[in-house]
Amino acid sequence: MATTNPATLQDLLDEIYVAVDNDPTNSTTVDDEQTSRIRLCNMAIRNWESQDVYWDELWSTYTHGSTISASTTYTISASDFRFPGSYIKFTLNGADTYLEIVKPEEAFKYAASGSKAAYITGNPSAGWTINLTWTPASGDNFFGATMSLNYYKSATKLSATTDKPEMSDPSYIVDFVSYRKNLYNGRGNVAQDYLSSAANKLDKMRIRNAMRVHYGSREIEDLDLIRNNDSLGL
């Protein structure tokens, strides 16, 4: 028995051609119409990633290609980088050391006090750089270490028919494209049905994204206790 997920771009095009044209045969024809529909698929992805949600599917891990030296700046080579997580991990001789990532305007406080922290500078056009608030030196548990961090990425566009969208419910793309194409073709009532379905699937993805694993912890976290072993009243 065939499975429904993960869907490929070809699977999505097959459904779109039926939804728009009632045609099960032309979804493999490479022409201007297919190019238009693939671009609409990527518009759907862009709309999904621009929601006011941090989608779990868009978190990734970056590992720097060279070990830590006496430099305080390290260029991030990931082309899909949007913003970092909360920490950077330094691995040396099998041991891990974690540093908090702070805002660039906060870095002076750490540098002035001699404390160790990291901050990210840059933008999508110029690229991104990891900055350290101190100069690593031999024997400080950082010099020679491998550096990695979690980061939030840009969604991947679909191009090849074997490409698979990253969202949890790719049928949202089918509804989004079917809405647009039916609207362009003057079938307003059909378009409205697909618009409502797309909105419903987007809402359900939001709910799934907010859910924890079964029997996961629901306790209120004390960040000061986690970071510094310090808590109010202790």
Protein backbone atom coordinates (compact mmCIF):
# COMPACT_ATOMS: atom_id res chain seq x y z
CA MET A 1 0.00 0.00 0.00
CA ALA A 2 1.37 3.43 -0.98
CA THR A 3 1.93 6.07 1.70
CA THR A 4 0.82 9.70 1.43
CA ASN A 5 3.84 11.36 3.04
CA PRO A 6 6.33 12.69 2.43
CA ALA A 7 4.94 14.09 -0.81
CA THR A 8 7.20 15.04 -3.70
CA LEU A 9 6.73 18.01 -6.00
CA GLN A 10 5.41 15.59 -8.63
CA ASP A 11 2.81 14.29 -6.17
CA LEU A 12 1.68 17.86 -5.55
CA LEU A 13 1.51 18.67 -9.27
CA ASP A 14 -0.53 15.52 -9.89
CA GLU A 15 -3.11 16.68 -7.34
CA ILE A 16 -3.08 20.28 -8.55
CA TYR A 17 -3.74 19.30 -12.17
CA VAL A 18 -6.77 17.27 -11.08
CA ALA A 19 -8.01 20.03 -8.76
CA VAL A 20 -7.69 22.77 -11.40
CA ASP A 21 -8.20 21.00 -14.74
CA ASN A 22 -9.74 17.62 -13.81
CA ASP A 23 -6.78 16.28 -15.82
CA PRO A 24 -4.75 13.32 -14.50
CA THR A 25 -2.38 13.15 -17.50
CA ASN A 26 -0.64 16.50 -18.11
CA SER A 27 1.09 17.03 -14.76
CA THR A 28 4.37 15.69 -16.19
CA THR A 29 4.37 18.04 -19.20
CA VAL A 30 7.18 20.59 -18.84
CA ASP A 31 5.76 23.84 -20.21
CA ASP A 32 4.98 27.40 -19.11
CA GLU A 33 1.89 26.24 -17.24
CA GLN A 34 3.87 23.76 -15.16
CA THR A 35 6.51 26.42 -14.47
CA SER A 36 3.74 28.75 -13.30
CA ARG A 37 2.36 26.11 -10.95
CA ILE A 38 5.77 25.29 -9.50
CA ARG A 39 6.29 28.99 -8.80
CA LEU A 40 2.93 29.10 -7.06
CA CYS A 41 4.04 26.06 -5.00
CA ASN A 42 7.04 28.08 -3.86
CA MET A 43 4.80 31.08 -3.13
CA ALA A 44 2.82 28.77 -0.84
CA ILE A 45 6.02 27.77 0.91
CA ARG A 46 7.02 31.41 1.28
CA ASN A 47 3.61 32.20 2.77
CA TRP A 48 3.95 29.27 5.20
CA GLU A 49 7.43 30.24 6.40
CA SER A 50 6.42 33.91 6.86
CA GLN A 51 3.74 33.11 9.45
CA ASP A 52 4.26 34.37 13.00
CA VAL A 53 5.31 30.87 14.03
CA TYR A 54 8.71 29.30 14.60
CA TRP A 55 8.11 26.09 12.66
CA ASP A 56 9.87 23.08 14.17
CA GLU A 57 10.71 21.88 10.64
CA LEU A 58 12.89 24.94 10.00
CA TRP A 59 15.31 24.46 12.90
CA SER A 60 18.68 23.09 11.77
CA THR A 61 22.25 22.66 13.06
CA TYR A 62 25.36 24.39 11.76
CA THR A 63 28.87 23.07 12.44
CA HIS A 64 31.75 25.39 11.60
CA GLY A 65 34.24 23.93 9.14
CA SER A 66 37.40 24.82 11.07
CA THR A 67 38.32 24.59 14.74
CA ILE A 68 38.56 27.58 17.07
CA SER A 69 41.81 29.54 16.80
CA ALA A 70 42.97 32.85 18.28
CA SER A 71 40.43 34.67 16.10
CA THR A 72 37.32 36.30 17.55
CA THR A 73 35.25 36.15 14.31
CA TYR A 74 34.03 33.16 12.29
CA THR A 75 32.02 33.40 9.07
CA ILE A 76 28.89 31.26 8.87
CA SER A 77 28.85 29.37 5.58
CA ALA A 78 25.20 28.22 5.75
CA SER A 79 23.32 30.02 2.96
CA ASP A 80 19.89 29.46 4.55
CA PHE A 81 20.73 31.02 7.95
CA ARG A 82 18.06 33.35 9.39
CA PHE A 83 18.82 33.63 13.12
CA PRO A 84 20.54 31.56 15.82
CA GLY A 85 19.24 29.55 18.73
CA SER A 86 20.18 30.39 22.31
CA TYR A 87 23.66 28.89 22.60
CA ILE A 88 26.83 27.77 20.84
CA LYS A 89 28.42 24.40 21.66
CA PHE A 90 32.20 23.95 21.69
CA THR A 91 33.41 20.34 21.55
CA LEU A 92 37.02 19.60 22.55
CA ASN A 93 38.45 16.14 23.26
CA GLY A 94 34.95 14.70 23.64
CA ALA A 95 33.82 17.31 26.16
CA ASP A 96 31.15 19.94 25.41
CA THR A 97 31.13 23.53 26.66
CA TYR A 98 28.12 25.78 26.08
CA LEU A 99 28.08 29.56 25.66
CA GLU A 100 25.05 31.79 25.58
CA ILE A 101 24.37 33.77 22.40
CA VAL A 102 23.61 37.40 23.27
CA LYS A 103 22.41 40.40 21.28
CA PRO A 104 25.18 42.47 19.64
CA GLU A 105 24.30 45.51 21.79
CA GLU A 106 24.77 43.39 24.93
CA ALA A 107 28.21 42.10 24.00
CA PHE A 108 30.12 45.02 25.52
CA LYS A 109 28.98 44.00 29.01
CA TYR A 110 30.61 40.60 28.61
CA ALA A 111 33.75 41.95 26.95
CA ALA A 112 34.21 44.64 29.62
CA SER A 113 33.93 42.13 32.46
CA GLY A 114 36.05 39.50 30.76
CA SER A 115 33.10 37.08 30.56
CA LYS A 116 32.72 34.70 27.66
CA ALA A 117 29.77 34.94 25.28
CA ALA A 118 29.04 34.96 21.56
CA TYR A 119 26.93 37.16 19.32
CA ILE A 120 25.89 37.12 15.65
CA THR A 121 26.28 40.03 13.24
CA GLY A 122 25.30 40.41 9.59
CA ASN A 123 22.25 40.15 7.37
CA PRO A 124 20.89 37.92 4.56
CA SER A 125 22.60 40.03 1.91
CA ALA A 126 26.10 40.37 3.38
CA GLY A 127 26.14 37.06 5.24
CA TRP A 128 26.51 36.25 8.94
CA THR A 129 29.43 36.14 11.38
CA ILE A 130 29.89 34.55 14.80
CA ASN A 131 31.72 36.91 17.17
CA LEU A 132 33.36 35.99 20.48
CA THR A 133 33.71 38.47 23.34
CA TRP A 134 37.22 37.22 24.20
CA THR A 135 40.27 35.96 22.35
CA PRO A 136 40.63 32.16 22.64
CA ALA A 137 44.01 30.90 23.86
CA SER A 138 45.57 27.49 24.30
CA GLY A 139 44.28 25.68 27.39
CA ASP A 140 41.04 27.67 27.81
CA ASN A 141 38.74 24.76 26.76
CA PHE A 142 37.83 26.60 23.56
CA PHE A 143 41.05 26.83 21.55
CA GLY A 144 41.03 23.94 19.04
CA ALA A 145 37.37 23.11 19.70
CA THR A 146 34.71 22.41 17.06
CA MET A 147 31.91 24.97 17.15
CA SER A 148 28.24 24.23 16.40
CA LEU A 149 24.88 25.90 16.96
CA ASN A 150 21.20 25.44 16.26
CA TYR A 151 19.72 27.98 13.87
CA TYR A 152 16.44 28.85 12.19
CA LYS A 153 16.68 28.44 8.43
CA SER A 154 14.88 29.63 5.33
CA ALA A 155 12.47 27.13 3.81
CA THR A 156 13.80 25.18 0.84
CA LYS A 157 12.21 25.90 -2.54
CA LEU A 158 10.95 23.10 -4.78
CA SER A 159 12.59 22.64 -8.17
CA ALA A 160 13.11 19.00 -9.16
CA THR A 161 10.02 16.81 -9.25
CA THR A 162 11.60 14.60 -6.56
CA ASP A 163 11.99 17.54 -4.13
CA LYS A 164 9.92 17.28 -0.93
CA PRO A 165 8.45 20.24 0.99
CA GLU A 166 9.46 20.64 4.63
CA MET A 167 6.05 21.53 6.07
CA SER A 168 4.13 18.95 8.08
CA ASP A 169 1.08 19.05 5.77
CA PRO A 170 2.16 19.56 2.14
CA SER A 171 -1.47 19.38 0.97
CA TYR A 172 -1.60 23.03 2.07
CA ILE A 173 0.45 23.74 -1.06
CA VAL A 174 -2.12 21.94 -3.23
CA ASP A 175 -4.94 24.03 -1.76
CA PHE A 176 -2.97 27.28 -2.05
CA VAL A 177 -2.13 26.73 -5.74
CA SER A 178 -5.60 25.39 -6.57
CA TYR A 179 -7.13 28.50 -5.01
CA ARG A 180 -4.94 30.82 -7.08
CA LYS A 181 -5.41 28.97 -10.38
CA ASN A 182 -9.18 28.61 -10.01
CA LEU A 183 -9.42 32.29 -9.07
CA TYR A 184 -7.41 33.26 -12.17
CA ASN A 185 -9.72 31.08 -14.27
CA GLY A 186 -12.85 32.83 -13.00
CA ARG A 187 -14.13 29.96 -10.83
CA GLY A 188 -14.69 32.02 -7.72
CA ASN A 189 -16.81 29.53 -5.77
CA VAL A 190 -14.31 26.70 -6.29
CA ALA A 191 -11.45 29.05 -5.43
CA GLN A 192 -13.14 30.01 -2.15
CA ASP A 193 -13.45 26.35 -1.18
CA TYR A 194 -9.71 25.83 -1.65
CA LEU A 195 -8.92 29.08 0.18
CA SER A 196 -10.94 27.90 3.20
CA SER A 197 -9.27 24.50 3.11
CA ALA A 198 -5.80 26.07 2.92
CA ALA A 199 -6.54 28.31 5.91
CA ASN A 200 -7.82 25.31 7.88
CA LYS A 201 -4.68 23.29 7.15
CA LEU A 202 -2.45 26.21 8.11
CA ASP A 203 -4.28 26.48 11.44
CA LYS A 204 -3.86 22.76 12.08
CA MET A 205 -0.13 23.01 11.37
CA ARG A 206 0.05 25.81 13.94
CA ILE A 207 -1.64 23.58 16.51
CA ARG A 208 0.66 20.63 15.81
CA ASN A 209 3.66 22.92 16.03
CA ALA A 210 2.60 24.07 19.51
CA MET A 211 1.97 20.56 20.82
CA ARG A 212 4.53 18.79 22.97
CA VAL A 213 5.34 15.10 22.71
CA HIS A 214 2.99 12.74 24.54
CA TYR A 215 3.55 12.87 28.30
CA GLY A 216 6.08 15.69 27.82
CA SER A 217 6.87 18.02 30.70
CA ARG A 218 4.48 20.93 31.34
CA GLU A 219 6.41 22.46 34.22
CA ILE A 220 7.32 26.16 34.28
CA GLU A 221 11.02 26.54 33.52
CA ASP A 222 13.29 28.65 35.74
CA LEU A 223 15.90 29.98 33.30
CA ASP A 224 18.10 31.48 36.02
CA LEU A 225 18.29 28.09 37.70
CA ILE A 226 19.11 26.38 34.40
CA ARG A 227 21.81 28.90 33.44
CA ASN A 228 23.41 29.85 36.75
CA ASN A 229 22.08 27.39 39.34
CA ASP A 230 20.48 30.43 40.93
CA SER A 231 16.85 30.89 41.87
CA LEU A 232 14.66 33.33 43.81
CA GLY A 233 14.83 32.46 47.48
CA LEU A 234 17.98 30.33 47.17
